């Protein structure tokens, strides 16, 4: 007897044929122009998300630098006293 093919998760394996069918259905529903707009919006969203992450990292670095300077200043003032 032959064992059934193992599937990954509840959806199973999605191959290139299935992806092509899904793409064609999306094209019929939304149209080429609308799909281009959706792709453009998705790309801009990802870009903005990455920029936001980088800004957050820069802010954290600035706060750490200020804390280091404040700690160094305290140590120097304690040494003078």
PDB file of N, CA and C in Angstrom:
ATOM      1  N   UNK A   1       0.825  -1.193   0.000  1.00  0.00           N
ATOM      2  CA  UNK A   1       0.000   0.000   0.000  1.00  0.00           C
ATOM      3  C   UNK A   1       0.864   1.249   0.000  1.00  0.00           C
ATOM      4  N   UNK A   2       0.357   2.239  -0.610  1.00  0.00           N
ATOM      5  CA  UNK A   2       1.083   3.496  -0.718  1.00  0.00           C
ATOM      6  C   UNK A   2       0.621   4.464   0.354  1.00  0.00           C
ATOM      7  N   UNK A   3       1.590   5.157   0.990  1.00  0.00           N
ATOM      8  CA  UNK A   3       1.262   6.142   2.016  1.00  0.00           C
ATOM      9  C   UNK A   3       0.814   7.440   1.351  1.00  0.00           C
ATOM     10  N   UNK A   4      -0.143   8.131   1.963  1.00  0.00           N
ATOM     11  CA  UNK A   4      -0.530   9.428   1.401  1.00  0.00           C
ATOM     12  C   UNK A   4       0.609  10.431   1.556  1.00  0.00           C
ATOM     13  N   UNK A   5       0.669  11.374   0.631  1.00  0.00           N
ATOM     14  CA  UNK A   5       1.729  12.385   0.669  1.00  0.00           C
ATOM     15  C   UNK A   5       1.577  13.233   1.921  1.00  0.00           C
ATOM     16  N   UNK A   6       2.703  13.523   2.540  1.00  0.00           N
ATOM     17  CA  UNK A   6       2.687  14.361   3.743  1.00  0.00           C
ATOM     18  C   UNK A   6       2.363  15.797   3.336  1.00  0.00           C
ATOM     19  N   UNK A   7       1.525  16.441   4.119  1.00  0.00           N
ATOM     20  CA  UNK A   7       1.174  17.828   3.837  1.00  0.00           C
ATOM     21  C   UNK A   7       1.738  18.713   4.932  1.00  0.00           C
ATOM     22  N   UNK A   8       1.973  19.940   4.580  1.00  0.00           N
ATOM     23  CA  UNK A   8       2.483  20.917   5.543  1.00  0.00           C
ATOM     24  C   UNK A   8       1.339  21.833   5.931  1.00  0.00           C
ATOM     25  N   UNK A   9       0.838  21.683   7.121  1.00  0.00           N
ATOM     26  CA  UNK A   9      -0.226  22.542   7.613  1.00  0.00           C
ATOM     27  C   UNK A   9      -1.575  22.188   7.011  1.00  0.00           C
ATOM     28  N   UNK A  10      -2.579  22.979   7.332  1.00  0.00           N
ATOM     29  CA  UNK A  10      -3.934  22.670   6.881  1.00  0.00           C
ATOM     30  C   UNK A  10      -4.161  22.937   5.389  1.00  0.00           C
ATOM     31  N   UNK A  11      -3.323  23.750   4.759  1.00  0.00           N
ATOM     32  CA  UNK A  11      -3.523  24.081   3.350  1.00  0.00           C
ATOM     33  C   UNK A  11      -2.857  23.085   2.412  1.00  0.00           C
ATOM     34  N   UNK A  12      -1.934  22.311   2.902  1.00  0.00           N
ATOM     35  CA  UNK A  12      -1.215  21.398   2.024  1.00  0.00           C
ATOM     36  C   UNK A  12      -0.116  22.129   1.285  1.00  0.00           C
ATOM     37  N   UNK A  13       0.389  21.504   0.256  1.00  0.00           N
ATOM     38  CA  UNK A  13       1.453  22.113  -0.548  1.00  0.00           C
ATOM     39  C   UNK A  13       0.829  22.878  -1.703  1.00  0.00           C
ATOM     40  N   UNK A  14       1.183  24.138  -1.825  1.00  0.00           N
ATOM     41  CA  UNK A  14       0.687  24.951  -2.941  1.00  0.00           C
ATOM     42  C   UNK A  14       1.809  25.045  -3.961  1.00  0.00           C
ATOM     43  N   UNK A  15       1.556  24.533  -5.140  1.00  0.00           N
ATOM     44  CA  UNK A  15       2.560  24.522  -6.194  1.00  0.00           C
ATOM     45  C   UNK A  15       2.382  25.671  -7.153  1.00  0.00           C
ATOM     46  N   UNK A  16       3.214  25.702  -8.183  1.00  0.00           N
ATOM     47  CA  UNK A  16       3.154  26.794  -9.152  1.00  0.00           C
ATOM     48  C   UNK A  16       1.822  26.845  -9.913  1.00  0.00           C
ATOM     49  N   UNK A  17       1.235  25.694 -10.181  1.00  0.00           N
ATOM     50  CA  UNK A  17      -0.055  25.678 -10.874  1.00  0.00           C
ATOM     51  C   UNK A  17      -1.147  26.336 -10.065  1.00  0.00           C
ATOM     52  N   UNK A  18      -1.178  26.030  -8.790  1.00  0.00           N
ATOM     53  CA  UNK A  18      -2.190  26.641  -7.913  1.00  0.00           C
ATOM     54  C   UNK A  18      -1.972  28.145  -7.778  1.00  0.00           C
ATOM     55  N   UNK A  19      -0.701  28.557  -7.664  1.00  0.00           N
ATOM     56  CA  UNK A  19      -0.403  29.986  -7.573  1.00  0.00           C
ATOM     57  C   UNK A  19      -0.826  30.724  -8.843  1.00  0.00           C
ATOM     58  N   UNK A  20      -0.643  30.091  -9.995  1.00  0.00           N
ATOM     59  CA  UNK A  20      -1.053  30.696 -11.261  1.00  0.00           C
ATOM     60  C   UNK A  20      -2.571  30.870 -11.307  1.00  0.00           C
ATOM     61  N   UNK A  21      -3.300  29.877 -10.858  1.00  0.00           N
ATOM     62  CA  UNK A  21      -4.763  29.967 -10.829  1.00  0.00           C
ATOM     63  C   UNK A  21      -5.211  31.087  -9.895  1.00  0.00           C
ATOM     64  N   UNK A  22      -4.584  31.191  -8.726  1.00  0.00           N
ATOM     65  CA  UNK A  22      -4.927  32.253  -7.773  1.00  0.00           C
ATOM     66  C   UNK A  22      -4.634  33.621  -8.390  1.00  0.00           C
ATOM     67  N   UNK A  23      -3.494  33.763  -9.073  1.00  0.00           N
ATOM     68  CA  UNK A  23      -3.133  35.031  -9.709  1.00  0.00           C
ATOM     69  C   UNK A  23      -4.132  35.403 -10.802  1.00  0.00           C
ATOM     70  N   UNK A  24      -4.567  34.424 -11.597  1.00  0.00           N
ATOM     71  CA  UNK A  24      -5.545  34.698 -12.651  1.00  0.00           C
ATOM     72  C   UNK A  24      -6.885  35.125 -12.067  1.00  0.00           C
ATOM     73  N   UNK A  25      -7.315  34.483 -11.001  1.00  0.00           N
ATOM     74  CA  UNK A  25      -8.578  34.859 -10.354  1.00  0.00           C
ATOM     75  C   UNK A  25      -8.478  36.280  -9.802  1.00  0.00           C
ATOM     76  N   UNK A  26      -7.344  36.611  -9.172  1.00  0.00           N
ATOM     77  CA  UNK A  26      -7.146  37.970  -8.655  1.00  0.00           C
ATOM     78  C   UNK A  26      -7.162  38.985  -9.795  1.00  0.00           C
ATOM     79  N   UNK A  27      -6.563  38.636 -10.918  1.00  0.00           N
ATOM     80  CA  UNK A  27      -6.548  39.524 -12.077  1.00  0.00           C
ATOM     81  C   UNK A  27      -7.961  39.763 -12.597  1.00  0.00           C
ATOM     82  N   UNK A  28      -8.766  38.713 -12.631  1.00  0.00           N
ATOM     83  CA  UNK A  28     -10.149  38.859 -13.091  1.00  0.00           C
ATOM     84  C   UNK A  28     -10.976  39.710 -12.132  1.00  0.00           C
ATOM     85  N   UNK A  29     -10.748  39.542 -10.834  1.00  0.00           N
ATOM     86  CA  UNK A  29     -11.542  40.269  -9.838  1.00  0.00           C
ATOM     87  C   UNK A  29     -11.144  41.737  -9.784  1.00  0.00           C
ATOM     88  N   UNK A  30      -9.863  42.032  -9.697  1.00  0.00           N
ATOM     89  CA  UNK A  30      -9.408  43.394  -9.456  1.00  0.00           C
ATOM     90  C   UNK A  30      -9.013  44.146 -10.723  1.00  0.00           C
ATOM     91  N   UNK A  31      -8.563  43.479 -11.734  1.00  0.00           N
ATOM     92  CA  UNK A  31      -8.073  44.146 -12.930  1.00  0.00           C
ATOM     93  C   UNK A  31      -6.598  44.482 -12.777  1.00  0.00           C
ATOM     94  N   UNK A  32      -5.924  44.671 -13.911  1.00  0.00           N
ATOM     95  CA  UNK A  32      -4.468  44.879 -13.900  1.00  0.00           C
ATOM     96  C   UNK A  32      -4.074  46.166 -13.186  1.00  0.00           C
ATOM     97  N   UNK A  33      -4.795  47.246 -13.427  1.00  0.00           N
ATOM     98  CA  UNK A  33      -4.448  48.530 -12.800  1.00  0.00           C
ATOM     99  C   UNK A  33      -4.583  48.491 -11.300  1.00  0.00           C
ATOM    100  N   UNK A  34      -5.644  47.877 -10.833  1.00  0.00           N
ATOM    101  CA  UNK A  34      -5.885  47.801  -9.383  1.00  0.00           C
ATOM    102  C   UNK A  34      -4.827  46.932  -8.705  1.00  0.00           C
ATOM    103  N   UNK A  35      -4.420  45.850  -9.344  1.00  0.00           N
ATOM    104  CA  UNK A  35      -3.384  44.977  -8.760  1.00  0.00           C
ATOM    105  C   UNK A  35      -2.057  45.732  -8.680  1.00  0.00           C
ATOM    106  N   UNK A  36      -1.762  46.546  -9.699  1.00  0.00           N
ATOM    107  CA  UNK A  36      -0.536  47.348  -9.662  1.00  0.00           C
ATOM    108  C   UNK A  36      -0.580  48.337  -8.498  1.00  0.00           C
ATOM    109  N   UNK A  37      -1.739  48.961  -8.284  1.00  0.00           N
ATOM    110  CA  UNK A  37      -1.885  49.896  -7.165  1.00  0.00           C
ATOM    111  C   UNK A  37      -1.717  49.183  -5.826  1.00  0.00           C
ATOM    112  N   UNK A  38      -2.268  47.990  -5.724  1.00  0.00           N
ATOM    113  CA  UNK A  38      -2.147  47.215  -4.480  1.00  0.00           C
ATOM    114  C   UNK A  38      -0.679  46.869  -4.226  1.00  0.00           C
ATOM    115  N   UNK A  39       0.022  46.449  -5.264  1.00  0.00           N
ATOM    116  CA  UNK A  39       1.446  46.125  -5.125  1.00  0.00           C
ATOM    117  C   UNK A  39       2.271  47.336  -4.723  1.00  0.00           C
ATOM    118  N   UNK A  40       1.957  48.480  -5.339  1.00  0.00           N
ATOM    119  CA  UNK A  40       2.675  49.716  -5.019  1.00  0.00           C
ATOM    120  C   UNK A  40       2.435  50.107  -3.563  1.00  0.00           C
ATOM    121  N   UNK A  41       1.189  50.008  -3.124  1.00  0.00           N
ATOM    122  CA  UNK A  41       0.857  50.336  -1.739  1.00  0.00           C
ATOM    123  C   UNK A  41       1.544  49.415  -0.757  1.00  0.00           C
ATOM    124  N   UNK A  42       1.588  48.126  -1.093  1.00  0.00           N
ATOM    125  CA  UNK A  42       2.269  47.157  -0.235  1.00  0.00           C
ATOM    126  C   UNK A  42       3.757  47.476  -0.138  1.00  0.00           C
ATOM    127  N   UNK A  43       4.370  47.798  -1.262  1.00  0.00           N
ATOM    128  CA  UNK A  43       5.793  48.136  -1.270  1.00  0.00           C
ATOM    129  C   UNK A  43       6.092  49.371  -0.434  1.00  0.00           C
ATOM    130  N   UNK A  44       5.243  50.394  -0.565  1.00  0.00           N
ATOM    131  CA  UNK A  44       5.439  51.612   0.223  1.00  0.00           C
ATOM    132  C   UNK A  44       5.235  51.339   1.706  1.00  0.00           C
ATOM    133  N   UNK A  45       4.281  50.483   2.025  1.00  0.00           N
ATOM    134  CA  UNK A  45       4.047  50.136   3.425  1.00  0.00           C
ATOM    135  C   UNK A  45       5.245  49.439   4.043  1.00  0.00           C
ATOM    136  N   UNK A  46       5.826  48.516   3.306  1.00  0.00           N
ATOM    137  CA  UNK A  46       7.011  47.801   3.799  1.00  0.00           C
ATOM    138  C   UNK A  46       8.176  48.776   3.972  1.00  0.00           C
ATOM    139  N   UNK A  47       8.335  49.689   2.997  1.00  0.00           N
ATOM    140  CA  UNK A  47       9.416  50.681   3.073  1.00  0.00           C
ATOM    141  C   UNK A  47       9.249  51.569   4.299  1.00  0.00           C
ATOM    142  N   UNK A  48       8.029  52.047   4.541  1.00  0.00           N
ATOM    143  CA  UNK A  48       7.767  52.894   5.703  1.00  0.00           C
ATOM    144  C   UNK A  48       7.996  52.139   7.007  1.00  0.00           C
ATOM    145  N   UNK A  49       7.621  50.877   7.033  1.00  0.00           N
ATOM    146  CA  UNK A  49       7.829  50.057   8.225  1.00  0.00           C
ATOM    147  C   UNK A  49       9.315  49.928   8.537  1.00  0.00           C
ATOM    148  N   UNK A  50      10.117  49.651   7.519  1.00  0.00           N
ATOM    149  CA  UNK A  50      11.567  49.526   7.722  1.00  0.00           C
ATOM    150  C   UNK A  50      12.179  50.849   8.183  1.00  0.00           C
ATOM    151  N   UNK A  51      11.719  51.957   7.591  1.00  0.00           N
ATOM    152  CA  UNK A  51      12.225  53.270   8.015  1.00  0.00           C
ATOM    153  C   UNK A  51      11.862  53.546   9.470  1.00  0.00           C
ATOM    154  N   UNK A  52      10.665  53.155   9.866  1.00  0.00           N
ATOM    155  CA  UNK A  52      10.249  53.326  11.256  1.00  0.00           C
ATOM    156  C   UNK A  52      11.106  52.519  12.205  1.00  0.00           C
ATOM    157  N   UNK A  53      11.448  51.295  11.798  1.00  0.00           N
ATOM    158  CA  UNK A  53      12.331  50.477  12.639  1.00  0.00           C
ATOM    159  C   UNK A  53      13.697  51.123  12.785  1.00  0.00           C
ATOM    160  N   UNK A  54      14.222  51.652  11.686  1.00  0.00           N
ATOM    161  CA  UNK A  54      15.539  52.301  11.733  1.00  0.00           C
ATOM    162  C   UNK A  54      15.503  53.553  12.594  1.00  0.00           C
ATOM    163  N   UNK A  55      14.417  54.327  12.517  1.00  0.00           N
ATOM    164  CA  UNK A  55      14.292  55.519  13.351  1.00  0.00           C
ATOM    165  C   UNK A  55      14.245  55.144  14.828  1.00  0.00           C
ATOM    166  N   UNK A  56      13.547  54.069  15.145  1.00  0.00           N
ATOM    167  CA  UNK A  56      13.476  53.604  16.534  1.00  0.00           C
ATOM    168  C   UNK A  56      14.845  53.207  17.050  1.00  0.00           C
ATOM    169  N   UNK A  57      15.624  52.534  16.202  1.00  0.00           N
ATOM    170  CA  UNK A  57      16.978  52.145  16.601  1.00  0.00           C
ATOM    171  C   UNK A  57      17.855  53.376  16.823  1.00  0.00           C
ATOM    172  N   UNK A  58      17.697  54.378  15.967  1.00  0.00           N
ATOM    173  CA  UNK A  58      18.490  55.599  16.101  1.00  0.00           C
ATOM    174  C   UNK A  58      18.130  56.331  17.394  1.00  0.00           C
ATOM    175  N   UNK A  59      16.845  56.361  17.720  1.00  0.00           N
ATOM    176  CA  UNK A  59      16.419  57.017  18.961  1.00  0.00           C
ATOM    177  C   UNK A  59      16.970  56.288  20.180  1.00  0.00           C
ATOM    178  N   UNK A  60      16.951  54.966  20.147  1.00  0.00           N
ATOM    179  CA  UNK A  60      17.500  54.184  21.263  1.00  0.00           C
ATOM    180  C   UNK A  60      18.985  54.450  21.427  1.00  0.00           C
ATOM    181  N   UNK A  61      19.704  54.536  20.309  1.00  0.00           N
ATOM    182  CA  UNK A  61      21.141  54.808  20.363  1.00  0.00           C
ATOM    183  C   UNK A  61      21.406  56.195  20.944  1.00  0.00           C
ATOM    184  N   UNK A  62      20.589  57.170  20.577  1.00  0.00           N
ATOM    185  CA  UNK A  62      20.761  58.526  21.099  1.00  0.00           C
ATOM    186  C   UNK A  62      20.511  58.556  22.603  1.00  0.00           C
ATOM    187  N   UNK A  63      19.503  57.849  23.072  1.00  0.00           N
ATOM    188  CA  UNK A  63      19.202  57.802  24.506  1.00  0.00           C
ATOM    189  C   UNK A  63      20.351  57.142  25.261  1.00  0.00           C
ATOM    190  N   UNK A  64      20.887  56.056  24.722  1.00  0.00           N
ATOM    191  CA  UNK A  64      22.013  55.384  25.382  1.00  0.00           C
ATOM    192  C   UNK A  64      23.231  56.306  25.453  1.00  0.00           C
ATOM    193  N   UNK A  65      23.466  57.047  24.375  1.00  0.00           N
ATOM    194  CA  UNK A  65      24.608  57.969  24.348  1.00  0.00           C
ATOM    195  C   UNK A  65      24.437  59.056  25.406  1.00  0.00           C
ATOM    196  N   UNK A  66      23.221  59.592  25.545  1.00  0.00           N
ATOM    197  CA  UNK A  66      22.960  60.610  26.566  1.00  0.00           C
ATOM    198  C   UNK A  66      23.162  60.030  27.963  1.00  0.00           C
ATOM    199  N   UNK A  67      22.720  58.792  28.175  1.00  0.00           N
ATOM    200  CA  UNK A  67      22.900  58.152  29.487  1.00  0.00           C
ATOM    201  C   UNK A  67      24.377  57.956  29.798  1.00  0.00           C
ATOM    202  N   UNK A  68      25.159  57.572  28.783  1.00  0.00           N
ATOM    203  CA  UNK A  68      26.594  57.393  28.992  1.00  0.00           C
ATOM    204  C   UNK A  68      27.260  58.715  29.374  1.00  0.00           C
ATOM    205  N   UNK A  69      26.881  59.795  28.667  1.00  0.00           N
ATOM    206  CA  UNK A  69      27.463  61.106  28.966  1.00  0.00           C
ATOM    207  C   UNK A  69      27.090  61.561  30.370  1.00  0.00           C
ATOM    208  N   UNK A  70      25.815  61.330  30.759  1.00  0.00           N
ATOM    209  CA  UNK A  70      25.368  61.729  32.097  1.00  0.00           C
ATOM    210  C   UNK A  70      26.105  60.930  33.166  1.00  0.00           C
ATOM    211  N   UNK A  71      26.296  59.637  32.935  1.00  0.00           N
ATOM    212  CA  UNK A  71      27.013  58.807  33.907  1.00  0.00           C
ATOM    213  C   UNK A  71      28.467  59.245  34.011  1.00  0.00           C
ATOM    214  N   UNK A  72      29.087  59.559  32.884  1.00  0.00           N
ATOM    215  CA  UNK A  72      30.474  60.011  32.884  1.00  0.00           C
ATOM    216  C   UNK A  72      30.604  61.336  33.630  1.00  0.00           C
ATOM    217  N   UNK A  73      29.633  62.218  33.424  1.00  0.00           N
ATOM    218  CA  UNK A  73      29.641  63.518  34.097  1.00  0.00           C
ATOM    219  C   UNK A  73      29.502  63.341  35.606  1.00  0.00           C
ATOM    220  N   UNK A  74      28.633  62.405  36.037  1.00  0.00           N
ATOM    221  CA  UNK A  74      28.463  62.140  37.476  1.00  0.00           C
ATOM    222  C   UNK A  74      29.751  61.619  38.086  1.00  0.00           C
ATOM    223  N   UNK A  75      30.405  60.698  37.376  1.00  0.00           N
ATOM    224  CA  UNK A  75      31.650  60.125  37.884  1.00  0.00           C
ATOM    225  C   UNK A  75      32.715  61.214  38.009  1.00  0.00           C
ATOM    226  N   UNK A  76      32.783  62.092  37.008  1.00  0.00           N
ATOM    227  CA  UNK A  76      33.777  63.174  37.053  1.00  0.00           C
ATOM    228  C   UNK A  76      33.470  64.138  38.191  1.00  0.00           C
ATOM    229  N   UNK A  77      32.190  64.439  38.432  1.00  0.00           N
ATOM    230  CA  UNK A  77      31.842  65.375  39.512  1.00  0.00           C
ATOM    231  C   UNK A  77      32.101  64.725  40.874  1.00  0.00           C
ATOM    232  N   UNK A  78      31.921  63.411  40.991  1.00  0.00           N
ATOM    233  CA  UNK A  78      32.208  62.712  42.245  1.00  0.00           C
ATOM    234  C   UNK A  78      33.706  62.679  42.507  1.00  0.00           C
ATOM    235  N   UNK A  79      34.501  62.549  41.451  1.00  0.00           N
ATOM    236  CA  UNK A  79      35.948  62.549  41.596  1.00  0.00           C
ATOM    237  C   UNK A  79      36.462  63.909  42.054  1.00  0.00           C
ATOM    238  N   UNK A  80      35.828  64.984  41.575  1.00  0.00           N
ATOM    239  CA  UNK A  80      36.245  66.338  41.956  1.00  0.00           C
ATOM    240  C   UNK A  80      35.905  66.641  43.411  1.00  0.00           C
ATOM    241  N   UNK A  81      34.862  66.020  43.928  1.00  0.00           N
ATOM    242  CA  UNK A  81      34.402  66.320  45.290  1.00  0.00           C
ATOM    243  C   UNK A  81      35.237  65.703  46.348  1.00  0.00           C
TER     244      UNK A  81
END
